[in-house]
Amino acid sequence: GTAEYSQAIIDAMAATDSDYVTGHVTYDEYNNPQKTAAIITFVDG
């Protein structure tokens, strides 16, 4: 609950480099994940 605790969480998220359900996630300098997209189409509704 301290300010140091908050910063530790933020630092750890920025250092993310792992596999998750929607793909392998790392973050760029803008905290945006580097991922591929899944293209979805429609067949028979």
All heavy atoms as atom14 arrays in JSON, in Angstrom:
{
  "sequence": "GTAEYSQAIIDAMAATDSDYVTGHVTYDEYNNPQKTAAIITFVDG",
  "atom14_mask": [
    [1, 1, 1, 1, 0, 0, 0, 0, 0, 0, 0, 0, 0, 0],
    [1, 1, 1, 1, 1, 1, 1, 0, 0, 0, 0, 0, 0, 0],
    [1, 1, 1, 1, 1, 0, 0, 0, 0, 0, 0, 0, 0, 0],
    [1, 1, 1, 1, 1, 1, 1, 1, 1, 0, 0, 0, 0, 0],
    [1, 1, 1, 1, 1, 1, 1, 1, 1, 1, 1, 1, 0, 0],
    [1, 1, 1, 1, 1, 1, 0, 0, 0, 0, 0, 0, 0, 0],
    [1, 1, 1, 1, 1, 1, 1, 1, 1, 0, 0, 0, 0, 0],
    [1, 1, 1, 1, 1, 0, 0, 0, 0, 0, 0, 0, 0, 0],
    [1, 1, 1, 1, 1, 1, 1, 1, 0, 0, 0, 0, 0, 0],
    [1, 1, 1, 1, 1, 1, 1, 1, 0, 0, 0, 0, 0, 0],
    [1, 1, 1, 1, 1, 1, 1, 1, 0, 0, 0, 0, 0, 0],
    [1, 1, 1, 1, 1, 0, 0, 0, 0, 0, 0, 0, 0, 0],
    [1, 1, 1, 1, 1, 1, 1, 1, 0, 0, 0, 0, 0, 0],
    [1, 1, 1, 1, 1, 0, 0, 0, 0, 0, 0, 0, 0, 0],
    [1, 1, 1, 1, 1, 0, 0, 0, 0, 0, 0, 0, 0, 0],
    [1, 1, 1, 1, 1, 1, 1, 0, 0, 0, 0, 0, 0, 0],
    [1, 1, 1, 1, 1, 1, 1, 1, 0, 0, 0, 0, 0, 0],
    [1, 1, 1, 1, 1, 1, 0, 0, 0, 0, 0, 0, 0, 0],
    [1, 1, 1, 1, 1, 1, 1, 1, 0, 0, 0, 0, 0, 0],
    [1, 1, 1, 1, 1, 1, 1, 1, 1, 1, 1, 1, 0, 0],
    [1, 1, 1, 1, 1, 1, 1, 0, 0, 0, 0, 0, 0, 0],
    [1, 1, 1, 1, 1, 1, 1, 0, 0, 0, 0, 0, 0, 0],
    [1, 1, 1, 1, 0, 0, 0, 0, 0, 0, 0, 0, 0, 0],
    [1, 1, 1, 1, 1, 1, 1, 1, 1, 1, 0, 0, 0, 0],
    [1, 1, 1, 1, 1, 1, 1, 0, 0, 0, 0, 0, 0, 0],
    [1, 1, 1, 1, 1, 1, 1, 0, 0, 0, 0, 0, 0, 0],
    [1, 1, 1, 1, 1, 1, 1, 1, 1, 1, 1, 1, 0, 0],
    [1, 1, 1, 1, 1, 1, 1, 1, 0, 0, 0, 0, 0, 0],
    [1, 1, 1, 1, 1, 1, 1, 1, 1, 0, 0, 0, 0, 0],
    [1, 1, 1, 1, 1, 1, 1, 1, 1, 1, 1, 1, 0, 0],
    [1, 1, 1, 1, 1, 1, 1, 1, 0, 0, 0, 0, 0, 0],
    [1, 1, 1, 1, 1, 1, 1, 1, 0, 0, 0, 0, 0, 0],
    [1, 1, 1, 1, 1, 1, 1, 0, 0, 0, 0, 0, 0, 0],
    [1, 1, 1, 1, 1, 1, 1, 1, 1, 0, 0, 0, 0, 0],
    [1, 1, 1, 1, 1, 1, 1, 1, 1, 0, 0, 0, 0, 0],
    [1, 1, 1, 1, 1, 1, 1, 0, 0, 0, 0, 0, 0, 0],
    [1, 1, 1, 1, 1, 0, 0, 0, 0, 0, 0, 0, 0, 0],
    [1, 1, 1, 1, 1, 0, 0, 0, 0, 0, 0, 0, 0, 0],
    [1, 1, 1, 1, 1, 1, 1, 1, 0, 0, 0, 0, 0, 0],
    [1, 1, 1, 1, 1, 1, 1, 1, 0, 0, 0, 0, 0, 0],
    [1, 1, 1, 1, 1, 1, 1, 0, 0, 0, 0, 0, 0, 0],
    [1, 1, 1, 1, 1, 1, 1, 1, 1, 1, 1, 0, 0, 0],
    [1, 1, 1, 1, 1, 1, 1, 0, 0, 0, 0, 0, 0, 0],
    [1, 1, 1, 1, 1, 1, 1, 1, 0, 0, 0, 0, 0, 0],
    [1, 1, 1, 1, 0, 0, 0, 0, 0, 0, 0, 0, 0, 0]
  ],
  "atom14_positions": [
    [[0.77, -1.23, 0.0], [0.0, 0.0, 0.0], [0.8, 1.28, 0.0], [0.22, 2.37, -0.02], [0.0, 0.0, 0.0], [0.0, 0.0, 0.0], [0.0, 0.0, 0.0], [0.0, 0.0, 0.0], [0.0, 0.0, 0.0], [0.0, 0.0, 0.0], [0.0, 0.0, 0.0], [0.0, 0.0, 0.0], [0.0, 0.0, 0.0], [0.0, 0.0, 0.0]],
    [[2.12, 1.18, -0.01], [2.95, 2.39, 0.0], [3.21, 2.87, -1.43], [2.94, 2.16, -2.4], [4.3, 2.11, 0.68], [5.01, 1.09, -0.08], [4.11, 1.64, 2.1], [0.0, 0.0, 0.0], [0.0, 0.0, 0.0], [0.0, 0.0, 0.0], [0.0, 0.0, 0.0], [0.0, 0.0, 0.0], [0.0, 0.0, 0.0], [0.0, 0.0, 0.0]],
    [[3.78, 4.07, -1.53], [4.15, 4.6, -2.85], [5.19, 3.71, -3.5], [5.19, 3.51, -4.73], [4.68, 6.03, -2.7], [0.0, 0.0, 0.0], [0.0, 0.0, 0.0], [0.0, 0.0, 0.0], [0.0, 0.0, 0.0], [0.0, 0.0, 0.0], [0.0, 0.0, 0.0], [0.0, 0.0, 0.0], [0.0, 0.0, 0.0], [0.0, 0.0, 0.0]],
    [[6.08, 3.15, -2.68], [7.12, 2.25, -3.2], [6.49, 0.98, -3.76], [6.96, 0.42, -4.76], [8.12, 1.91, -2.1], [9.01, 3.06, -1.65], [8.28, 4.07, -0.77], [7.19, 3.72, -0.22], [8.78, 5.2, -0.62], [0.0, 0.0, 0.0], [0.0, 0.0, 0.0], [0.0, 0.0, 0.0], [0.0, 0.0, 0.0], [0.0, 0.0, 0.0]],
    [[5.42, 0.53, -3.11], [4.72, -0.68, -3.56], [4.09, -0.43, -4.94], [4.2, -1.26, -5.85], [3.65, -1.02, -2.54], [3.02, -2.39, -2.68], [3.61, -3.52, -2.12], [1.81, -2.56, -3.35], [3.03, -4.77, -2.22], [1.21, -3.8, -3.46], [1.82, -4.91, -2.89], [1.23, -6.15, -3.0], [0.0, 0.0, 0.0], [0.0, 0.0, 0.0]],
    [[3.45, 0.72, -5.09], [2.85, 1.08, -6.38], [3.92, 1.12, -7.47], [3.72, 0.59, -8.58], [2.16, 2.44, -6.29], [1.06, 2.39, -5.42], [0.0, 0.0, 0.0], [0.0, 0.0, 0.0], [0.0, 0.0, 0.0], [0.0, 0.0, 0.0], [0.0, 0.0, 0.0], [0.0, 0.0, 0.0], [0.0, 0.0, 0.0], [0.0, 0.0, 0.0]],
    [[5.04, 1.74, -7.19], [6.1, 1.87, -8.18], [6.69, 0.51, -8.53], [7.04, 0.25, -9.69], [7.21, 2.8, -7.68], [8.23, 3.17, -8.75], [7.6, 3.84, -9.96], [6.86, 4.83, -9.81], [7.86, 3.32, -11.15], [0.0, 0.0, 0.0], [0.0, 0.0, 0.0], [0.0, 0.0, 0.0], [0.0, 0.0, 0.0], [0.0, 0.0, 0.0]],
    [[6.78, -0.37, -7.54], [7.31, -1.71, -7.8], [6.4, -2.48, -8.75], [6.88, -3.21, -9.64], [7.46, -2.47, -6.48], [0.0, 0.0, 0.0], [0.0, 0.0, 0.0], [0.0, 0.0, 0.0], [0.0, 0.0, 0.0], [0.0, 0.0, 0.0], [0.0, 0.0, 0.0], [0.0, 0.0, 0.0], [0.0, 0.0, 0.0], [0.0, 0.0, 0.0]],
    [[5.09, -2.31, -8.6], [4.13, -2.96, -9.51], [4.29, -2.4, -10.92], [4.32, -3.15, -11.91], [2.69, -2.75, -9.02], [2.47, -3.43, -7.67], [1.68, -3.28, -10.04], [1.14, -3.11, -7.02], [0.0, 0.0, 0.0], [0.0, 0.0, 0.0], [0.0, 0.0, 0.0], [0.0, 0.0, 0.0], [0.0, 0.0, 0.0], [0.0, 0.0, 0.0]],
    [[4.39, -1.09, -11.02], [4.54, -0.43, -12.33], [5.82, -0.88, -13.02], [5.81, -1.22, -14.22], [4.52, 1.1, -12.15], [3.12, 1.56, -11.74], [4.97, 1.81, -13.42], [3.05, 2.98, -11.24], [0.0, 0.0, 0.0], [0.0, 0.0, 0.0], [0.0, 0.0, 0.0], [0.0, 0.0, 0.0], [0.0, 0.0, 0.0], [0.0, 0.0, 0.0]],
    [[6.9, -0.93, -12.28], [8.19, -1.36, -12.86], [8.11, -2.8, -13.34], [8.66, -3.14, -14.4], [9.31, -1.21, -11.82], [9.63, 0.23, -11.49], [9.24, 1.13, -12.27], [10.27, 0.48, -10.44], [0.0, 0.0, 0.0], [0.0, 0.0, 0.0], [0.0, 0.0, 0.0], [0.0, 0.0, 0.0], [0.0, 0.0, 0.0], [0.0, 0.0, 0.0]],
    [[7.44, -3.63, -12.57], [7.32, -5.04, -12.94], [6.46, -5.22, -14.19], [6.76, -6.06, -15.05], [6.74, -5.84, -11.77], [0.0, 0.0, 0.0], [0.0, 0.0, 0.0], [0.0, 0.0, 0.0], [0.0, 0.0, 0.0], [0.0, 0.0, 0.0], [0.0, 0.0, 0.0], [0.0, 0.0, 0.0], [0.0, 0.0, 0.0], [0.0, 0.0, 0.0]],
    [[5.39, -4.44, -14.32], [4.56, -4.52, -15.53], [5.36, -4.08, -16.75], [5.26, -4.69, -17.82], [3.29, -3.69, -15.38], [2.19, -4.42, -14.65], [0.51, -3.78, -14.99], [0.54, -2.28, -14.03], [0.0, 0.0, 0.0], [0.0, 0.0, 0.0], [0.0, 0.0, 0.0], [0.0, 0.0, 0.0], [0.0, 0.0, 0.0], [0.0, 0.0, 0.0]],
    [[6.13, -3.02, -16.6], [6.93, -2.53, -17.73], [7.94, -3.58, -18.2], [8.3, -3.62, -19.38], [7.66, -1.25, -17.33], [0.0, 0.0, 0.0], [0.0, 0.0, 0.0], [0.0, 0.0, 0.0], [0.0, 0.0, 0.0], [0.0, 0.0, 0.0], [0.0, 0.0, 0.0], [0.0, 0.0, 0.0], [0.0, 0.0, 0.0], [0.0, 0.0, 0.0]],
    [[8.37, -4.44, -17.28], [9.37, -5.46, -17.61], [8.74, -6.78, -18.06], [9.44, -7.77, -18.26], [10.25, -5.71, -16.39], [0.0, 0.0, 0.0], [0.0, 0.0, 0.0], [0.0, 0.0, 0.0], [0.0, 0.0, 0.0], [0.0, 0.0, 0.0], [0.0, 0.0, 0.0], [0.0, 0.0, 0.0], [0.0, 0.0, 0.0], [0.0, 0.0, 0.0]],
    [[7.41, -6.8, -18.26], [6.7, -8.02, -18.67], [7.31, -8.62, -19.94], [7.57, -7.92, -20.91], [5.21, -7.72, -18.92], [4.61, -7.29, -17.69], [4.48, -8.94, -19.44], [0.0, 0.0, 0.0], [0.0, 0.0, 0.0], [0.0, 0.0, 0.0], [0.0, 0.0, 0.0], [0.0, 0.0, 0.0], [0.0, 0.0, 0.0], [0.0, 0.0, 0.0]],
    [[7.51, -9.91, -19.91], [8.06, -10.63, -21.07], [7.65, -12.09, -20.92], [8.43, -12.93, -20.49], [9.58, -10.49, -21.11], [10.2, -11.06, -22.39], [9.46, -11.66, -23.2], [11.42, -10.92, -22.58], [0.0, 0.0, 0.0], [0.0, 0.0, 0.0], [0.0, 0.0, 0.0], [0.0, 0.0, 0.0], [0.0, 0.0, 0.0], [0.0, 0.0, 0.0]],
    [[6.39, -12.38, -21.25], [5.87, -13.71, -20.98], [4.71, -14.05, -21.91], [4.16, -13.18, -22.58], [5.4, -13.78, -19.52], [5.06, -15.09, -19.15], [0.0, 0.0, 0.0], [0.0, 0.0, 0.0], [0.0, 0.0, 0.0], [0.0, 0.0, 0.0], [0.0, 0.0, 0.0], [0.0, 0.0, 0.0], [0.0, 0.0, 0.0], [0.0, 0.0, 0.0]],
    [[4.36, -15.33, -21.93], [3.23, -15.81, -22.73], [1.94, -15.71, -21.94], [1.88, -16.1, -20.76], [3.45, -17.26, -23.14], [4.57, -17.42, -24.15], [4.76, -16.51, -24.97], [5.27, -18.45, -24.09], [0.0, 0.0, 0.0], [0.0, 0.0, 0.0], [0.0, 0.0, 0.0], [0.0, 0.0, 0.0], [0.0, 0.0, 0.0], [0.0, 0.0, 0.0]],
    [[0.89, -15.22, -22.61], [-0.43, -15.14, -22.01], [-1.44, -15.69, -23.02], [-1.05, -16.11, -24.12], [-0.76, -13.69, -21.63], [0.17, -13.14, -20.57], [1.3, -12.4, -20.91], [-0.08, -13.39, -19.23], [2.17, -11.93, -19.93], [0.78, -12.92, -18.24], [1.9, -12.19, -18.6], [2.75, -11.73, -17.62], [0.0, 0.0, 0.0], [0.0, 0.0, 0.0]],
    [[-2.7, -15.7, -22.67], [-3.71, -16.29, -23.55], [-3.73, -15.62, -24.91], [-3.83, -16.28, -25.94], [-5.11, -16.21, -22.89], [-6.2, -16.61, -23.88], [-5.17, -17.1, -21.65], [0.0, 0.0, 0.0], [0.0, 0.0, 0.0], [0.0, 0.0, 0.0], [0.0, 0.0, 0.0], [0.0, 0.0, 0.0], [0.0, 0.0, 0.0], [0.0, 0.0, 0.0]],
    [[-3.62, -14.29, -24.95], [-3.72, -13.58, -26.22], [-2.36, -13.38, -26.9], [-2.26, -12.65, -27.87], [-4.39, -12.2, -26.02], [-3.62, -11.43, -25.11], [-5.8, -12.37, -25.5], [0.0, 0.0, 0.0], [0.0, 0.0, 0.0], [0.0, 0.0, 0.0], [0.0, 0.0, 0.0], [0.0, 0.0, 0.0], [0.0, 0.0, 0.0], [0.0, 0.0, 0.0]],
    [[-1.33, -14.05, -26.4], [-0.04, -14.0, -27.07], [1.1, -13.64, -26.14], [0.91, -13.39, -24.95], [0.0, 0.0, 0.0], [0.0, 0.0, 0.0], [0.0, 0.0, 0.0], [0.0, 0.0, 0.0], [0.0, 0.0, 0.0], [0.0, 0.0, 0.0], [0.0, 0.0, 0.0], [0.0, 0.0, 0.0], [0.0, 0.0, 0.0], [0.0, 0.0, 0.0]],
    [[2.28, -13.62, -26.71], [3.46, -13.23, -25.93], [3.46, -11.71, -25.79], [3.3, -10.99, -26.78], [4.75, -13.67, -26.64], [5.97, -13.47, -25.81], [6.45, -14.44, -24.96], [6.81, -12.41, -25.68], [7.53, -13.99, -24.34], [7.76, -12.76, -24.76], [0.0, 0.0, 0.0], [0.0, 0.0, 0.0], [0.0, 0.0, 0.0], [0.0, 0.0, 0.0]],
    [[3.64, -11.22, -24.57], [3.54, -9.79, -24.31], [4.84, -9.21, -23.8], [5.43, -9.7, -22.84], [2.42, -9.49, -23.28], [2.4, -8.0, -22.92], [1.06, -9.92, -23.82], [0.0, 0.0, 0.0], [0.0, 0.0, 0.0], [0.0, 0.0, 0.0], [0.0, 0.0, 0.0], [0.0, 0.0, 0.0], [0.0, 0.0, 0.0], [0.0, 0.0, 0.0]],
    [[5.3, -8.17, -24.5], [6.32, -7.27, -23.99], [5.78, -5.86, -24.23], [4.84, -5.67, -25.0], [7.67, -7.42, -24.73], [7.47, -7.15, -26.13], [8.23, -8.83, -24.57], [0.0, 0.0, 0.0], [0.0, 0.0, 0.0], [0.0, 0.0, 0.0], [0.0, 0.0, 0.0], [0.0, 0.0, 0.0], [0.0, 0.0, 0.0], [0.0, 0.0, 0.0]],
    [[6.36, -4.87, -23.54], [5.86, -3.51, -23.68], [6.91, -2.59, -24.3], [8.1, -2.7, -24.02], [5.42, -2.95, -22.32], [4.12, -3.53, -21.86], [4.09, -4.56, -20.92], [2.91, -3.08, -22.39], [2.88, -5.11, -20.51], [1.7, -3.63, -21.98], [1.69, -4.65, -21.05], [0.49, -5.19, -20.66], [0.0, 0.0, 0.0], [0.0, 0.0, 0.0]],
    [[6.42, -1.68, -25.18], [7.32, -0.69, -25.76], [7.43, 0.52, -24.83], [6.91, 0.5, -23.7], [6.85, -0.27, -27.16], [5.5, 0.44, -27.16], [5.02, 0.85, -26.08], [4.92, 0.59, -28.25], [0.0, 0.0, 0.0], [0.0, 0.0, 0.0], [0.0, 0.0, 0.0], [0.0, 0.0, 0.0], [0.0, 0.0, 0.0], [0.0, 0.0, 0.0]],
    [[8.09, 1.57, -25.29], [8.3, 2.74, -24.44], [7.03, 3.5, -24.12], [7.01, 4.39, -23.25], [9.32, 3.68, -25.09], [8.88, 4.34, -26.37], [9.19, 3.51, -27.62], [9.25, 2.26, -27.51], [9.37, 4.12, -28.69], [0.0, 0.0, 0.0], [0.0, 0.0, 0.0], [0.0, 0.0, 0.0], [0.0, 0.0, 0.0], [0.0, 0.0, 0.0]],
    [[5.92, 3.16, -24.8], [4.63, 3.8, -24.54], [3.69, 2.88, -23.76], [2.49, 3.15, -23.66], [3.97, 4.22, -25.86], [4.81, 5.16, -26.68], [5.5, 4.7, -27.8], [4.93, 6.5, -26.32], [6.29, 5.56, -28.56], [5.72, 7.37, -27.08], [6.4, 6.88, -28.19], [7.19, 7.74, -28.93], [0.0, 0.0, 0.0], [0.0, 0.0, 0.0]],
    [[4.23, 1.8, -23.22], [3.45, 0.82, -22.45], [2.39, 0.13, -23.29], [1.33, -0.28, -22.77], [2.82, 1.46, -21.21], [3.84, 1.8, -20.15], [5.0, 1.45, -20.26], [3.41, 2.5, -19.12], [0.0, 0.0, 0.0], [0.0, 0.0, 0.0], [0.0, 0.0, 0.0], [0.0, 0.0, 0.0], [0.0, 0.0, 0.0], [0.0, 0.0, 0.0]],
    [[2.66, 0.0, -24.59], [1.76, -0.72, -25.48], [2.34, -2.11, -25.75], [3.53, -2.24, -26.03], [1.6, 0.03, -26.8], [0.9, 1.35, -26.62], [-0.06, 1.46, -25.88], [1.39, 2.39, -27.3], [0.0, 0.0, 0.0], [0.0, 0.0, 0.0], [0.0, 0.0, 0.0], [0.0, 0.0, 0.0], [0.0, 0.0, 0.0], [0.0, 0.0, 0.0]],
    [[1.51, -3.15, -25.68], [2.02, -4.51, -25.9], [2.39, -4.75, -27.36], [1.71, -4.26, -28.27], [0.85, -5.39, -25.48], [-0.35, -4.55, -25.69], [0.07, -3.14, -25.39], [0.0, 0.0, 0.0], [0.0, 0.0, 0.0], [0.0, 0.0, 0.0], [0.0, 0.0, 0.0], [0.0, 0.0, 0.0], [0.0, 0.0, 0.0], [0.0, 0.0, 0.0]],
    [[3.44, -5.48, -27.56], [3.87, -5.87, -28.89], [3.3, -7.26, -29.18], [3.72, -8.25, -28.61], [5.4, -5.88, -28.97], [6.03, -4.55, -28.56], [5.52, -3.39, -29.41], [5.84, -3.26, -30.59], [4.71, -2.53, -28.81], [0.0, 0.0, 0.0], [0.0, 0.0, 0.0], [0.0, 0.0, 0.0], [0.0, 0.0, 0.0], [0.0, 0.0, 0.0]],
    [[2.29, -7.31, -30.07], [1.56, -8.55, -30.32], [1.17, -8.65, -31.79], [1.24, -7.68, -32.53], [0.26, -8.56, -29.47], [0.45, -8.36, -28.0], [-0.86, -8.09, -27.3], [-1.78, -9.26, -27.3], [-3.0, -9.03, -26.5], [0.0, 0.0, 0.0], [0.0, 0.0, 0.0], [0.0, 0.0, 0.0], [0.0, 0.0, 0.0], [0.0, 0.0, 0.0]],
    [[0.76, -9.85, -32.18], [0.17, -10.01, -33.51], [-1.35, -9.92, -33.37], [-1.89, -9.98, -32.27], [0.52, -11.39, -34.11], [0.1, -12.41, -33.2], [2.03, -11.5, -34.35], [0.0, 0.0, 0.0], [0.0, 0.0, 0.0], [0.0, 0.0, 0.0], [0.0, 0.0, 0.0], [0.0, 0.0, 0.0], [0.0, 0.0, 0.0], [0.0, 0.0, 0.0]],
    [[-2.04, -9.76, -34.5], [-3.5, -9.7, -34.49], [-4.07, -11.01, -35.01], [-3.46, -11.69, -35.83], [-3.98, -8.55, -35.36], [0.0, 0.0, 0.0], [0.0, 0.0, 0.0], [0.0, 0.0, 0.0], [0.0, 0.0, 0.0], [0.0, 0.0, 0.0], [0.0, 0.0, 0.0], [0.0, 0.0, 0.0], [0.0, 0.0, 0.0], [0.0, 0.0, 0.0]],
    [[-5.25, -11.33, -34.52], [-6.0, -12.46, -35.05], [-7.04, -11.88, -36.0], [-7.81, -11.0, -35.62], [-6.67, -13.24, -33.93], [0.0, 0.0, 0.0], [0.0, 0.0, 0.0], [0.0, 0.0, 0.0], [0.0, 0.0, 0.0], [0.0, 0.0, 0.0], [0.0, 0.0, 0.0], [0.0, 0.0, 0.0], [0.0, 0.0, 0.0], [0.0, 0.0, 0.0]],
    [[-7.04, -12.34, -37.25], [-8.04, -11.87, -38.21], [-9.22, -12.84, -38.18], [-9.07, -14.05, -38.37], [-7.46, -11.8, -39.64], [-6.28, -10.83, -39.69], [-8.55, -11.36, -40.62], [-6.62, -9.39, -39.33], [0.0, 0.0, 0.0], [0.0, 0.0, 0.0], [0.0, 0.0, 0.0], [0.0, 0.0, 0.0], [0.0, 0.0, 0.0], [0.0, 0.0, 0.0]],
    [[-10.39, -12.28, -37.91], [-11.61, -13.09, -37.83], [-12.47, -12.81, -39.06], [-12.67, -11.66, -39.45], [-12.42, -12.73, -36.57], [-11.54, -12.79, -35.32], [-13.64, -13.64, -36.44], [-10.95, -14.13, -35.02], [0.0, 0.0, 0.0], [0.0, 0.0, 0.0], [0.0, 0.0, 0.0], [0.0, 0.0, 0.0], [0.0, 0.0, 0.0], [0.0, 0.0, 0.0]],
    [[-12.96, -13.87, -39.68], [-13.89, -13.72, -40.8], [-15.22, -14.37, -40.41], [-15.37, -14.85, -39.28], [-13.33, -14.35, -42.08], [-14.17, -14.01, -43.2], [-13.19, -15.85, -41.97], [0.0, 0.0, 0.0], [0.0, 0.0, 0.0], [0.0, 0.0, 0.0], [0.0, 0.0, 0.0], [0.0, 0.0, 0.0], [0.0, 0.0, 0.0], [0.0, 0.0, 0.0]],
    [[-16.18, -14.34, -41.3], [-17.5, -14.9, -41.01], [-17.88, -15.91, -42.08], [-17.79, -15.61, -43.28], [-18.56, -13.8, -40.94], [-18.32, -12.81, -39.83], [-17.49, -11.72, -40.0], [-18.94, -12.97, -38.59], [-17.27, -10.81, -38.99], [-18.73, -12.08, -37.57], [-17.88, -10.98, -37.76], [0.0, 0.0, 0.0], [0.0, 0.0, 0.0], [0.0, 0.0, 0.0]],
    [[-18.29, -17.07, -41.64], [-18.72, -18.13, -42.55], [-20.06, -18.67, -42.04], [-20.17, -19.06, -40.86], [-17.69, -19.28, -42.61], [-18.2, -20.4, -43.52], [-16.34, -18.76, -43.07], [0.0, 0.0, 0.0], [0.0, 0.0, 0.0], [0.0, 0.0, 0.0], [0.0, 0.0, 0.0], [0.0, 0.0, 0.0], [0.0, 0.0, 0.0], [0.0, 0.0, 0.0]],
    [[-21.07, -18.67, -42.9], [-22.41, -19.15, -42.52], [-22.93, -18.46, -41.25], [-23.53, -19.09, -40.37], [-22.4, -20.66, -42.32], [-22.08, -21.42, -43.61], [-22.42, -20.9, -44.69], [-21.47, -22.5, -43.53], [0.0, 0.0, 0.0], [0.0, 0.0, 0.0], [0.0, 0.0, 0.0], [0.0, 0.0, 0.0], [0.0, 0.0, 0.0], [0.0, 0.0, 0.0]],
    [[-22.66, -17.16, -41.15], [-23.17, -16.39, -40.03], [-22.45, -16.62, -38.71], [-22.96, -16.22, -37.67], [0.0, 0.0, 0.0], [0.0, 0.0, 0.0], [0.0, 0.0, 0.0], [0.0, 0.0, 0.0], [0.0, 0.0, 0.0], [0.0, 0.0, 0.0], [0.0, 0.0, 0.0], [0.0, 0.0, 0.0], [0.0, 0.0, 0.0], [0.0, 0.0, 0.0]]
  ]
}
